[in-house]
């Protein structure tokens, strides 16, 4: 399935402005996504990222998301829910996957947990749609993200299928990050991705 074309088709078929609970991992990733969606949905950003370490990094990314949302103009509702930080959940779910490579089973578990929480919150609060900004990143597997979301959706709460990296989505997120002076992190979020990034840097230094 071409998830981007499917999203565009569903948006074209909308006959009202539905409510969307949109999981976001960070302000840079949400920037290009919100640019595409804010004309069509009442959006609440859900900041639920128990994978992010250390806690100071989590707070920094959360506050940057809040700053970006507060300044972004939208013709429809645009606000944010800050979920509680609980890194123990992520550690418990991934304790047997410490040495997985990036984009492997550990990442699938992480996608699933964040989408599960988003769906349950959307169901409880009465949102019509739920979704995530994760697919804007070229380092995230859109197929997994969309399969998980579609498995979770119900008649009352639909999943917004998407591949936001399409149509230069990731490039646009970089442009908007510069325009709004957004903090861009250099690793995905979890301690494992941080270690992998540090290994890559070390290898580059050794090759020079």
N, C-alpha and C. Protein backbone atom coordinates (compact mmCIF):
# COMPACT_ATOMS: atom_id res chain seq x y z
N UNK A 1 0.83 -1.20 0.00
CA UNK A 1 0.00 0.00 0.00
C UNK A 1 0.87 1.26 0.00
N UNK A 2 0.48 2.24 -0.80
CA UNK A 2 1.12 3.54 -0.76
C UNK A 2 0.42 4.34 0.33
N UNK A 3 1.02 4.40 1.50
CA UNK A 3 0.36 5.00 2.66
C UNK A 3 0.13 6.50 2.49
N UNK A 4 1.01 7.16 1.78
CA UNK A 4 0.82 8.59 1.56
C UNK A 4 -0.39 8.86 0.67
N UNK A 5 -0.51 8.09 -0.42
CA UNK A 5 -1.66 8.27 -1.31
C UNK A 5 -2.96 7.90 -0.60
N UNK A 6 -2.90 6.88 0.25
CA UNK A 6 -4.09 6.49 1.00
C UNK A 6 -4.52 7.60 1.95
N UNK A 7 -3.54 8.23 2.62
CA UNK A 7 -3.87 9.34 3.51
C UNK A 7 -4.51 10.49 2.72
N UNK A 8 -3.93 10.84 1.59
CA UNK A 8 -4.48 11.92 0.78
C UNK A 8 -5.90 11.62 0.33
N UNK A 9 -6.14 10.37 -0.03
CA UNK A 9 -7.49 9.97 -0.44
C UNK A 9 -8.49 10.13 0.70
N UNK A 10 -8.08 9.70 1.91
CA UNK A 10 -8.99 9.80 3.05
C UNK A 10 -9.26 11.25 3.42
N UNK A 11 -8.25 12.09 3.30
CA UNK A 11 -8.44 13.51 3.61
C UNK A 11 -9.41 14.14 2.60
N UNK A 12 -9.28 13.78 1.33
CA UNK A 12 -10.17 14.32 0.30
C UNK A 12 -11.62 13.94 0.56
N UNK A 13 -11.83 12.80 1.18
CA UNK A 13 -13.19 12.30 1.43
C UNK A 13 -13.82 12.86 2.70
N UNK A 14 -13.06 13.62 3.49
CA UNK A 14 -13.60 14.16 4.73
C UNK A 14 -14.73 15.15 4.44
N UNK A 15 -15.80 15.06 5.21
CA UNK A 15 -16.92 15.99 5.04
C UNK A 15 -17.07 16.93 6.24
N UNK A 16 -16.09 16.88 7.15
CA UNK A 16 -16.06 17.79 8.30
C UNK A 16 -14.61 17.83 8.81
N UNK A 17 -14.38 18.60 9.85
CA UNK A 17 -13.04 18.68 10.43
C UNK A 17 -13.00 17.74 11.64
N UNK A 18 -12.46 16.54 11.47
CA UNK A 18 -12.46 15.56 12.57
C UNK A 18 -11.35 15.85 13.59
N UNK A 19 -11.51 15.26 14.75
CA UNK A 19 -10.50 15.40 15.81
C UNK A 19 -9.44 14.31 15.64
N UNK A 20 -8.21 14.70 15.84
CA UNK A 20 -7.06 13.81 15.66
C UNK A 20 -6.14 13.90 16.86
N UNK A 21 -5.88 12.77 17.50
CA UNK A 21 -4.86 12.69 18.55
C UNK A 21 -3.59 12.20 17.88
N UNK A 22 -2.60 13.08 17.79
CA UNK A 22 -1.40 12.80 17.01
C UNK A 22 -0.20 12.64 17.92
N UNK A 23 0.29 11.41 18.01
CA UNK A 23 1.51 11.18 18.78
C UNK A 23 2.68 11.87 18.10
N UNK A 24 3.52 12.52 18.90
CA UNK A 24 4.71 13.17 18.36
C UNK A 24 5.92 12.80 19.19
N UNK A 25 7.03 12.56 18.50
CA UNK A 25 8.27 12.22 19.18
C UNK A 25 9.12 13.45 19.48
N UNK A 26 8.93 14.52 18.70
CA UNK A 26 9.73 15.73 18.89
C UNK A 26 9.17 16.85 18.02
N UNK A 27 9.57 18.07 18.30
CA UNK A 27 9.11 19.22 17.54
C UNK A 27 9.54 19.17 16.07
N UNK A 28 10.81 18.85 15.76
CA UNK A 28 11.20 18.81 14.34
C UNK A 28 10.35 17.85 13.51
N UNK A 29 10.09 16.66 14.03
CA UNK A 29 9.28 15.70 13.28
C UNK A 29 7.83 16.18 13.14
N UNK A 30 7.31 16.82 14.16
CA UNK A 30 5.92 17.28 14.10
C UNK A 30 5.75 18.47 13.16
N UNK A 31 6.83 19.21 12.90
CA UNK A 31 6.71 20.45 12.13
C UNK A 31 6.11 20.23 10.74
N UNK A 32 6.72 19.37 9.95
CA UNK A 32 6.24 19.12 8.60
C UNK A 32 4.91 18.39 8.59
N UNK A 33 4.69 17.55 9.59
CA UNK A 33 3.43 16.81 9.68
C UNK A 33 2.28 17.77 9.97
N UNK A 34 2.46 18.66 10.92
CA UNK A 34 1.41 19.62 11.25
C UNK A 34 1.14 20.56 10.09
N UNK A 35 2.16 20.89 9.34
CA UNK A 35 1.97 21.75 8.18
C UNK A 35 1.00 21.10 7.19
N UNK A 36 1.08 19.79 7.07
CA UNK A 36 0.21 19.07 6.14
C UNK A 36 -1.20 18.84 6.68
N UNK A 37 -1.32 18.70 8.00
CA UNK A 37 -2.59 18.24 8.57
C UNK A 37 -3.45 19.32 9.21
N UNK A 38 -2.87 20.44 9.59
CA UNK A 38 -3.61 21.40 10.42
C UNK A 38 -4.79 22.05 9.69
N UNK A 39 -4.79 22.02 8.36
CA UNK A 39 -5.91 22.56 7.60
C UNK A 39 -7.11 21.61 7.61
N UNK A 40 -6.88 20.36 7.97
CA UNK A 40 -7.92 19.34 7.80
C UNK A 40 -8.45 18.75 9.10
N UNK A 41 -7.72 18.93 10.21
CA UNK A 41 -8.09 18.28 11.47
C UNK A 41 -8.02 19.26 12.65
N UNK A 42 -8.84 19.00 13.67
CA UNK A 42 -8.61 19.54 15.00
C UNK A 42 -7.58 18.63 15.64
N UNK A 43 -6.39 19.16 15.94
CA UNK A 43 -5.28 18.31 16.35
C UNK A 43 -4.86 18.54 17.79
N UNK A 44 -4.69 17.44 18.49
CA UNK A 44 -4.04 17.46 19.79
C UNK A 44 -2.78 16.62 19.69
N UNK A 45 -1.65 17.25 19.96
CA UNK A 45 -0.39 16.51 20.00
C UNK A 45 -0.31 15.74 21.32
N UNK A 46 0.02 14.46 21.23
CA UNK A 46 0.23 13.63 22.42
C UNK A 46 1.72 13.36 22.54
N UNK A 47 2.31 13.86 23.61
CA UNK A 47 3.74 13.64 23.82
C UNK A 47 3.91 12.47 24.79
N UNK A 48 4.04 11.29 24.20
CA UNK A 48 4.24 10.06 24.98
C UNK A 48 5.45 9.34 24.43
N UNK A 49 6.57 9.42 25.14
CA UNK A 49 7.83 8.86 24.66
C UNK A 49 8.66 8.30 25.81
N UNK A 50 8.24 7.17 26.36
CA UNK A 50 8.97 6.58 27.50
C UNK A 50 10.33 6.02 27.12
N UNK A 51 10.61 5.98 25.83
CA UNK A 51 11.91 5.47 25.35
C UNK A 51 13.04 6.47 25.54
N UNK A 52 12.72 7.75 25.64
CA UNK A 52 13.76 8.77 25.63
C UNK A 52 14.56 8.80 26.93
N UNK A 53 15.88 8.78 26.79
CA UNK A 53 16.80 8.91 27.91
C UNK A 53 17.91 9.87 27.53
N UNK A 54 18.51 10.52 28.53
CA UNK A 54 18.11 10.58 29.93
C UNK A 54 16.88 11.47 30.12
N UNK A 55 16.43 11.60 31.35
CA UNK A 55 15.23 12.39 31.63
C UNK A 55 15.39 13.83 31.17
N UNK A 56 16.58 14.39 31.32
CA UNK A 56 16.83 15.77 30.91
C UNK A 56 16.61 15.96 29.41
N UNK A 57 16.95 14.93 28.63
CA UNK A 57 16.73 14.97 27.19
C UNK A 57 15.23 14.93 26.89
N UNK A 58 14.52 14.09 27.64
CA UNK A 58 13.07 14.00 27.49
C UNK A 58 12.42 15.37 27.72
N UNK A 59 12.81 16.02 28.80
CA UNK A 59 12.23 17.33 29.14
C UNK A 59 12.58 18.37 28.07
N UNK A 60 13.80 18.33 27.59
CA UNK A 60 14.22 19.29 26.57
C UNK A 60 13.39 19.15 25.31
N UNK A 61 13.17 17.91 24.87
CA UNK A 61 12.37 17.69 23.66
C UNK A 61 10.91 18.07 23.90
N UNK A 62 10.40 17.74 25.08
CA UNK A 62 9.01 18.08 25.39
C UNK A 62 8.80 19.58 25.40
N UNK A 63 9.67 20.31 26.04
CA UNK A 63 9.53 21.76 26.11
C UNK A 63 9.67 22.41 24.75
N UNK A 64 10.51 21.83 23.89
CA UNK A 64 10.64 22.35 22.54
C UNK A 64 9.37 22.10 21.75
N UNK A 65 8.74 20.96 21.95
CA UNK A 65 7.45 20.68 21.32
C UNK A 65 6.41 21.69 21.78
N UNK A 66 6.36 21.94 23.07
CA UNK A 66 5.40 22.90 23.61
C UNK A 66 5.63 24.30 23.04
N UNK A 67 6.89 24.69 22.94
CA UNK A 67 7.22 26.02 22.39
C UNK A 67 6.78 26.14 20.94
N UNK A 68 7.03 25.08 20.17
CA UNK A 68 6.65 25.11 18.76
C UNK A 68 5.14 25.19 18.59
N UNK A 69 4.41 24.37 19.34
CA UNK A 69 2.96 24.34 19.25
C UNK A 69 2.36 25.69 19.62
N UNK A 70 2.92 26.32 20.64
CA UNK A 70 2.37 27.59 21.13
C UNK A 70 2.49 28.72 20.11
N UNK A 71 3.45 28.60 19.19
CA UNK A 71 3.69 29.66 18.22
C UNK A 71 3.12 29.37 16.83
N UNK A 72 2.70 28.12 16.61
CA UNK A 72 2.24 27.73 15.28
C UNK A 72 0.78 28.16 15.06
N UNK A 73 0.53 28.87 13.99
CA UNK A 73 -0.82 29.29 13.66
C UNK A 73 -1.56 28.17 12.95
N UNK A 74 -2.82 28.00 13.31
CA UNK A 74 -3.64 26.96 12.70
C UNK A 74 -5.08 27.43 12.57
N UNK A 75 -5.74 27.10 11.47
CA UNK A 75 -7.15 27.48 11.32
C UNK A 75 -8.07 26.64 12.19
N UNK A 76 -7.56 25.53 12.69
CA UNK A 76 -8.34 24.64 13.54
C UNK A 76 -7.65 24.47 14.89
N UNK A 77 -8.26 23.71 15.76
CA UNK A 77 -7.69 23.53 17.10
C UNK A 77 -6.32 22.87 17.02
N UNK A 78 -5.42 23.36 17.86
CA UNK A 78 -4.08 22.77 17.95
C UNK A 78 -3.60 22.93 19.38
N UNK A 79 -3.53 21.83 20.10
CA UNK A 79 -3.07 21.87 21.48
C UNK A 79 -2.25 20.62 21.77
N UNK A 80 -1.94 20.39 23.02
CA UNK A 80 -1.01 19.31 23.36
C UNK A 80 -1.36 18.68 24.70
N UNK A 81 -1.17 17.36 24.78
CA UNK A 81 -1.27 16.61 26.02
C UNK A 81 0.11 16.07 26.35
N UNK A 82 0.56 16.33 27.55
CA UNK A 82 1.85 15.82 28.01
C UNK A 82 1.62 14.58 28.85
N UNK A 83 2.01 13.43 28.34
CA UNK A 83 1.88 12.18 29.10
C UNK A 83 3.01 12.08 30.12
N UNK A 84 2.75 11.37 31.19
CA UNK A 84 3.78 11.19 32.22
C UNK A 84 4.97 10.40 31.66
N UNK A 85 6.15 10.75 32.14
CA UNK A 85 7.37 10.03 31.73
C UNK A 85 7.52 8.77 32.58
N UNK A 86 7.67 7.64 31.90
CA UNK A 86 7.86 6.38 32.62
C UNK A 86 8.78 5.48 31.80
N UNK A 87 10.08 5.69 31.97
CA UNK A 87 11.07 4.94 31.22
C UNK A 87 11.09 3.46 31.60
N UNK A 88 10.57 3.14 32.78
CA UNK A 88 10.54 1.74 33.22
C UNK A 88 9.70 0.88 32.28
N UNK A 89 8.65 1.47 31.70
CA UNK A 89 7.80 0.73 30.75
C UNK A 89 8.63 0.30 29.55
N UNK A 90 9.36 1.23 28.99
CA UNK A 90 10.19 0.92 27.82
C UNK A 90 11.25 -0.12 28.15
N UNK A 91 11.90 0.03 29.29
CA UNK A 91 12.96 -0.91 29.67
C UNK A 91 12.41 -2.31 29.87
N UNK A 92 11.22 -2.40 30.47
CA UNK A 92 10.62 -3.71 30.69
C UNK A 92 10.25 -4.39 29.38
N UNK A 93 9.76 -3.61 28.43
CA UNK A 93 9.33 -4.16 27.15
C UNK A 93 10.51 -4.59 26.28
N UNK A 94 11.66 -3.95 26.45
CA UNK A 94 12.79 -4.18 25.55
C UNK A 94 13.99 -4.82 26.24
N UNK A 95 13.81 -5.34 27.44
CA UNK A 95 14.96 -5.84 28.20
C UNK A 95 15.69 -6.99 27.50
N UNK A 96 15.01 -7.74 26.65
CA UNK A 96 15.66 -8.84 25.94
C UNK A 96 16.19 -8.42 24.57
N UNK A 97 16.16 -7.10 24.29
CA UNK A 97 16.51 -6.63 22.94
C UNK A 97 17.61 -5.57 22.98
N UNK A 98 18.44 -5.64 23.99
CA UNK A 98 19.49 -4.63 24.15
C UNK A 98 20.42 -4.54 22.95
N UNK A 99 20.68 -5.70 22.34
CA UNK A 99 21.68 -5.72 21.26
C UNK A 99 21.05 -5.79 19.86
N UNK A 100 19.76 -5.53 19.77
CA UNK A 100 19.12 -5.46 18.45
C UNK A 100 19.70 -4.28 17.67
N UNK A 101 19.78 -4.44 16.37
CA UNK A 101 20.19 -3.32 15.52
C UNK A 101 19.03 -2.34 15.37
N UNK A 102 19.37 -1.11 15.03
CA UNK A 102 18.34 -0.11 14.76
C UNK A 102 17.42 -0.61 13.64
N UNK A 103 16.13 -0.29 13.77
CA UNK A 103 15.09 -0.73 12.82
C UNK A 103 14.82 -2.22 12.95
N UNK A 104 15.20 -2.80 14.08
CA UNK A 104 14.94 -4.20 14.35
C UNK A 104 13.77 -4.39 15.31
N UNK A 105 13.67 -5.58 15.93
CA UNK A 105 12.54 -5.88 16.82
C UNK A 105 12.33 -4.89 17.96
N UNK A 106 13.43 -4.36 18.50
CA UNK A 106 13.28 -3.39 19.59
C UNK A 106 12.50 -2.16 19.13
N UNK A 107 12.79 -1.69 17.93
CA UNK A 107 12.10 -0.53 17.40
C UNK A 107 10.62 -0.84 17.16
N UNK A 108 10.34 -2.05 16.70
CA UNK A 108 8.93 -2.45 16.50
C UNK A 108 8.19 -2.38 17.83
N UNK A 109 8.79 -2.89 18.88
CA UNK A 109 8.18 -2.86 20.21
C UNK A 109 7.92 -1.42 20.65
N UNK A 110 8.87 -0.55 20.35
CA UNK A 110 8.73 0.86 20.72
C UNK A 110 7.60 1.53 19.95
N UNK A 111 7.52 1.28 18.64
CA UNK A 111 6.41 1.82 17.85
C UNK A 111 5.08 1.35 18.44
N UNK A 112 5.02 0.06 18.72
CA UNK A 112 3.76 -0.54 19.17
C UNK A 112 3.30 0.05 20.49
N UNK A 113 4.21 0.24 21.42
CA UNK A 113 3.84 0.79 22.72
C UNK A 113 3.32 2.22 22.59
N UNK A 114 4.00 3.03 21.82
CA UNK A 114 3.56 4.42 21.70
C UNK A 114 2.23 4.54 20.95
N UNK A 115 2.03 3.69 19.95
CA UNK A 115 0.75 3.70 19.25
C UNK A 115 -0.37 3.11 20.10
N UNK A 116 -0.05 2.09 20.88
CA UNK A 116 -1.06 1.52 21.79
C UNK A 116 -1.57 2.59 22.75
N UNK A 117 -0.66 3.30 23.35
CA UNK A 117 -1.04 4.33 24.31
C UNK A 117 -1.85 5.43 23.63
N UNK A 118 -1.44 5.82 22.44
CA UNK A 118 -2.15 6.86 21.70
C UNK A 118 -3.57 6.42 21.37
N UNK A 119 -3.72 5.19 20.91
CA UNK A 119 -5.05 4.68 20.59
C UNK A 119 -5.94 4.64 21.83
N UNK A 120 -5.41 4.14 22.94
CA UNK A 120 -6.21 4.04 24.15
C UNK A 120 -6.62 5.43 24.67
N UNK A 121 -5.71 6.39 24.56
CA UNK A 121 -6.02 7.75 24.98
C UNK A 121 -7.08 8.36 24.06
N UNK A 122 -6.93 8.11 22.77
CA UNK A 122 -7.90 8.62 21.80
C UNK A 122 -9.28 8.03 22.06
N UNK A 123 -9.33 6.75 22.39
CA UNK A 123 -10.60 6.08 22.68
C UNK A 123 -11.25 6.65 23.93
N UNK A 124 -10.45 6.83 24.95
CA UNK A 124 -10.96 7.35 26.23
C UNK A 124 -11.48 8.78 26.09
N UNK A 125 -10.77 9.59 25.32
CA UNK A 125 -11.11 11.02 25.22
C UNK A 125 -12.06 11.33 24.06
N UNK A 126 -12.41 10.32 23.27
CA UNK A 126 -13.40 10.51 22.23
C UNK A 126 -12.91 11.13 20.93
N UNK A 127 -11.65 10.92 20.59
CA UNK A 127 -11.13 11.41 19.31
C UNK A 127 -11.60 10.51 18.17
N UNK A 128 -11.76 11.11 17.00
CA UNK A 128 -12.19 10.34 15.83
C UNK A 128 -11.04 9.61 15.16
N UNK A 129 -9.84 10.20 15.23
CA UNK A 129 -8.66 9.61 14.62
C UNK A 129 -7.49 9.63 15.60
N UNK A 130 -6.56 8.70 15.37
CA UNK A 130 -5.27 8.76 16.05
C UNK A 130 -4.19 8.51 15.02
N UNK A 131 -2.98 8.98 15.31
CA UNK A 131 -1.89 8.80 14.37
C UNK A 131 -0.57 9.16 15.03
N UNK A 132 0.48 9.20 14.24
CA UNK A 132 1.81 9.49 14.77
C UNK A 132 2.65 10.20 13.72
N UNK A 133 3.61 10.98 14.19
CA UNK A 133 4.56 11.66 13.30
C UNK A 133 5.75 10.78 12.93
N UNK A 134 5.85 9.59 13.49
CA UNK A 134 7.05 8.77 13.36
C UNK A 134 7.48 8.52 11.92
N UNK A 135 6.53 8.38 11.01
CA UNK A 135 6.89 7.99 9.65
C UNK A 135 7.56 9.10 8.86
N UNK A 136 7.69 10.30 9.43
CA UNK A 136 8.40 11.37 8.71
C UNK A 136 9.90 11.10 8.66
N UNK A 137 10.37 10.29 9.58
CA UNK A 137 11.80 9.99 9.66
C UNK A 137 12.19 8.89 8.68
N UNK A 138 13.29 9.08 7.94
CA UNK A 138 13.77 8.02 7.05
C UNK A 138 14.34 6.83 7.81
N UNK A 139 14.50 6.97 9.12
CA UNK A 139 15.04 5.89 9.95
C UNK A 139 13.94 5.03 10.57
N UNK A 140 12.68 5.38 10.30
CA UNK A 140 11.56 4.62 10.84
C UNK A 140 10.88 3.85 9.71
N UNK A 141 10.41 2.65 10.04
CA UNK A 141 9.78 1.79 9.03
C UNK A 141 8.28 2.07 8.96
N UNK A 142 7.87 2.75 7.91
CA UNK A 142 6.47 3.13 7.77
C UNK A 142 5.54 1.93 7.68
N UNK A 143 6.01 0.85 7.10
CA UNK A 143 5.18 -0.35 6.97
C UNK A 143 4.79 -0.87 8.35
N UNK A 144 5.74 -0.97 9.24
CA UNK A 144 5.44 -1.43 10.60
C UNK A 144 4.49 -0.47 11.31
N UNK A 145 4.79 0.81 11.21
CA UNK A 145 3.98 1.82 11.90
C UNK A 145 2.53 1.74 11.47
N UNK A 146 2.31 1.64 10.17
CA UNK A 146 0.94 1.61 9.66
C UNK A 146 0.24 0.28 9.95
N UNK A 147 0.97 -0.81 9.89
CA UNK A 147 0.36 -2.10 10.22
C UNK A 147 -0.09 -2.12 11.67
N UNK A 148 0.72 -1.61 12.56
CA UNK A 148 0.35 -1.56 13.98
C UNK A 148 -0.88 -0.69 14.18
N UNK A 149 -0.87 0.49 13.57
CA UNK A 149 -2.00 1.40 13.72
C UNK A 149 -3.30 0.83 13.18
N UNK A 150 -3.23 0.20 12.02
CA UNK A 150 -4.44 -0.39 11.42
C UNK A 150 -4.96 -1.56 12.24
N UNK A 151 -4.08 -2.29 12.89
CA UNK A 151 -4.51 -3.38 13.77
C UNK A 151 -5.24 -2.86 15.00
N UNK A 152 -4.88 -1.66 15.43
CA UNK A 152 -5.49 -1.08 16.63
C UNK A 152 -6.82 -0.39 16.36
N UNK A 153 -7.01 0.16 15.18
CA UNK A 153 -8.18 1.01 14.92
C UNK A 153 -9.50 0.26 15.08
N UNK A 154 -10.53 1.02 15.39
CA UNK A 154 -11.88 0.50 15.52
C UNK A 154 -12.82 1.33 14.66
N UNK A 155 -14.08 1.00 14.66
CA UNK A 155 -15.06 1.79 13.91
C UNK A 155 -15.15 3.21 14.45
N UNK A 156 -14.98 3.35 15.77
CA UNK A 156 -15.10 4.67 16.39
C UNK A 156 -13.83 5.49 16.32
N UNK A 157 -12.69 4.84 16.36
CA UNK A 157 -11.40 5.55 16.36
C UNK A 157 -10.55 4.99 15.22
N UNK A 158 -10.43 5.77 14.15
CA UNK A 158 -9.70 5.33 12.97
C UNK A 158 -8.22 5.75 13.06
N UNK A 159 -7.38 4.94 12.44
CA UNK A 159 -5.96 5.27 12.36
C UNK A 159 -5.70 6.06 11.09
N UNK A 160 -4.98 7.16 11.23
CA UNK A 160 -4.61 7.96 10.06
C UNK A 160 -3.36 7.36 9.42
N UNK A 161 -3.57 6.55 8.39
CA UNK A 161 -2.43 5.97 7.69
C UNK A 161 -1.60 7.09 7.07
N UNK A 162 -0.30 6.91 7.03
CA UNK A 162 0.55 7.99 6.51
C UNK A 162 1.97 7.49 6.27
N UNK A 163 2.64 8.18 5.38
CA UNK A 163 4.09 8.05 5.24
C UNK A 163 4.59 9.47 5.01
N UNK A 164 4.80 10.16 6.10
CA UNK A 164 5.07 11.60 6.03
C UNK A 164 6.44 11.94 5.44
N UNK A 165 7.29 10.95 5.28
CA UNK A 165 8.57 11.24 4.62
C UNK A 165 8.40 11.45 3.11
N UNK A 166 7.27 10.96 2.57
CA UNK A 166 7.00 11.15 1.15
C UNK A 166 6.78 12.63 0.84
N UNK A 167 6.94 12.99 -0.42
CA UNK A 167 6.81 14.37 -0.88
C UNK A 167 7.76 15.29 -0.12
N UNK A 168 8.98 14.79 0.11
CA UNK A 168 10.04 15.56 0.76
C UNK A 168 9.67 15.98 2.19
N UNK A 169 8.92 15.12 2.86
CA UNK A 169 8.50 15.44 4.22
C UNK A 169 9.65 15.63 5.18
N UNK A 170 10.63 14.74 5.10
CA UNK A 170 11.78 14.85 6.01
C UNK A 170 12.59 16.11 5.70
N UNK A 171 12.80 16.37 4.42
CA UNK A 171 13.52 17.58 4.01
C UNK A 171 12.79 18.82 4.51
N UNK A 172 11.48 18.81 4.41
CA UNK A 172 10.69 19.95 4.87
C UNK A 172 10.81 20.12 6.38
N UNK A 173 10.90 19.02 7.11
CA UNK A 173 11.05 19.12 8.57
C UNK A 173 12.37 19.79 8.94
N UNK A 174 13.40 19.54 8.15
CA UNK A 174 14.70 20.18 8.39
C UNK A 174 14.60 21.68 8.10
N UNK A 175 13.93 22.02 7.01
CA UNK A 175 13.75 23.43 6.66
C UNK A 175 12.97 24.17 7.74
N UNK A 176 11.89 23.56 8.22
CA UNK A 176 11.07 24.21 9.24
C UNK A 176 11.81 24.30 10.58
N UNK A 177 12.63 23.29 10.85
CA UNK A 177 13.43 23.32 12.08
C UNK A 177 14.38 24.53 12.07
N UNK A 178 14.97 24.78 10.93
CA UNK A 178 15.85 25.94 10.81
C UNK A 178 15.05 27.23 10.92
N UNK A 179 13.91 27.24 10.26
CA UNK A 179 13.08 28.45 10.25
C UNK A 179 12.61 28.83 11.66
N UNK A 180 12.27 27.82 12.46
CA UNK A 180 11.77 28.05 13.81
C UNK A 180 12.84 27.87 14.88
N UNK A 181 14.07 27.64 14.44
CA UNK A 181 15.19 27.46 15.37
C UNK A 181 14.90 26.34 16.38
N UNK A 182 14.48 25.19 15.86
CA UNK A 182 14.13 24.06 16.71
C UNK A 182 15.35 23.22 17.07
N UNK A 183 15.37 22.75 18.28
CA UNK A 183 16.42 21.82 18.72
C UNK A 183 16.23 20.50 18.00
N UNK A 184 17.27 20.03 17.30
CA UNK A 184 17.25 18.74 16.62
C UNK A 184 18.24 17.81 17.30
N UNK A 185 17.73 16.75 17.87
CA UNK A 185 18.56 15.77 18.56
C UNK A 185 19.37 14.95 17.56
N UNK A 186 20.44 14.31 18.02
CA UNK A 186 21.27 13.53 17.10
C UNK A 186 21.13 12.02 17.33
N UNK A 187 20.12 11.60 18.08
CA UNK A 187 19.81 10.17 18.19
C UNK A 187 18.31 10.03 18.41
N UNK A 188 17.78 8.86 18.12
CA UNK A 188 16.34 8.64 18.14
C UNK A 188 15.73 8.95 19.49
N UNK A 189 16.34 8.42 20.55
CA UNK A 189 15.76 8.68 21.87
C UNK A 189 16.20 7.72 22.94
N UNK A 190 16.21 6.44 22.64
CA UNK A 190 16.54 5.45 23.67
C UNK A 190 18.04 5.35 23.88
N UNK A 191 18.42 4.77 25.00
CA UNK A 191 19.83 4.65 25.36
C UNK A 191 20.59 3.82 24.34
N UNK A 192 19.88 2.88 23.71
CA UNK A 192 20.52 2.01 22.72
C UNK A 192 20.86 2.79 21.45
N UNK A 193 19.94 3.64 21.02
CA UNK A 193 20.22 4.44 19.82
C UNK A 193 21.30 5.48 20.11
N UNK A 194 21.34 5.96 21.35
CA UNK A 194 22.39 6.90 21.73
C UNK A 194 23.77 6.23 21.65
N UNK A 195 23.84 5.00 22.15
CA UNK A 195 25.10 4.26 22.09
C UNK A 195 25.51 3.98 20.65
N UNK A 196 24.55 3.63 19.81
CA UNK A 196 24.83 3.37 18.41
C UNK A 196 25.36 4.62 17.73
N UNK A 197 24.77 5.75 18.04
CA UNK A 197 25.23 7.01 17.46
C UNK A 197 26.65 7.34 17.91
N UNK A 198 26.94 7.07 19.16
CA UNK A 198 28.29 7.31 19.67
C UNK A 198 29.31 6.40 19.00
N UNK A 199 28.90 5.14 18.72
CA UNK A 199 29.80 4.20 18.02
C UNK A 199 30.09 4.69 16.60
N UNK A 200 29.05 5.19 15.92
CA UNK A 200 29.24 5.70 14.57
C UNK A 200 30.21 6.88 14.58
N UNK A 201 30.05 7.75 15.53
CA UNK A 201 30.94 8.90 15.62
C UNK A 201 32.38 8.46 15.86
N UNK A 202 32.56 7.50 16.73
CA UNK A 202 33.89 7.00 17.04
C UNK A 202 34.54 6.37 15.81
N UNK A 203 33.73 5.64 15.05
CA UNK A 203 34.26 5.01 13.84
C UNK A 203 34.69 6.06 12.81
N UNK A 204 33.92 7.14 12.71
CA UNK A 204 34.27 8.20 11.79
C UNK A 204 35.58 8.87 12.18
N UNK A 205 35.75 9.06 13.49
CA UNK A 205 36.98 9.67 14.00
C UNK A 205 38.19 8.77 13.69
N UNK A 206 38.00 7.48 13.88
CA UNK A 206 39.09 6.54 13.65
C UNK A 206 39.45 6.44 12.17
N UNK A 207 38.48 6.66 11.29
CA UNK A 207 38.73 6.58 9.86
C UNK A 207 39.45 7.82 9.31
N UNK A 208 39.38 8.93 10.03
CA UNK A 208 39.98 10.16 9.56
C UNK A 208 41.51 10.13 9.66
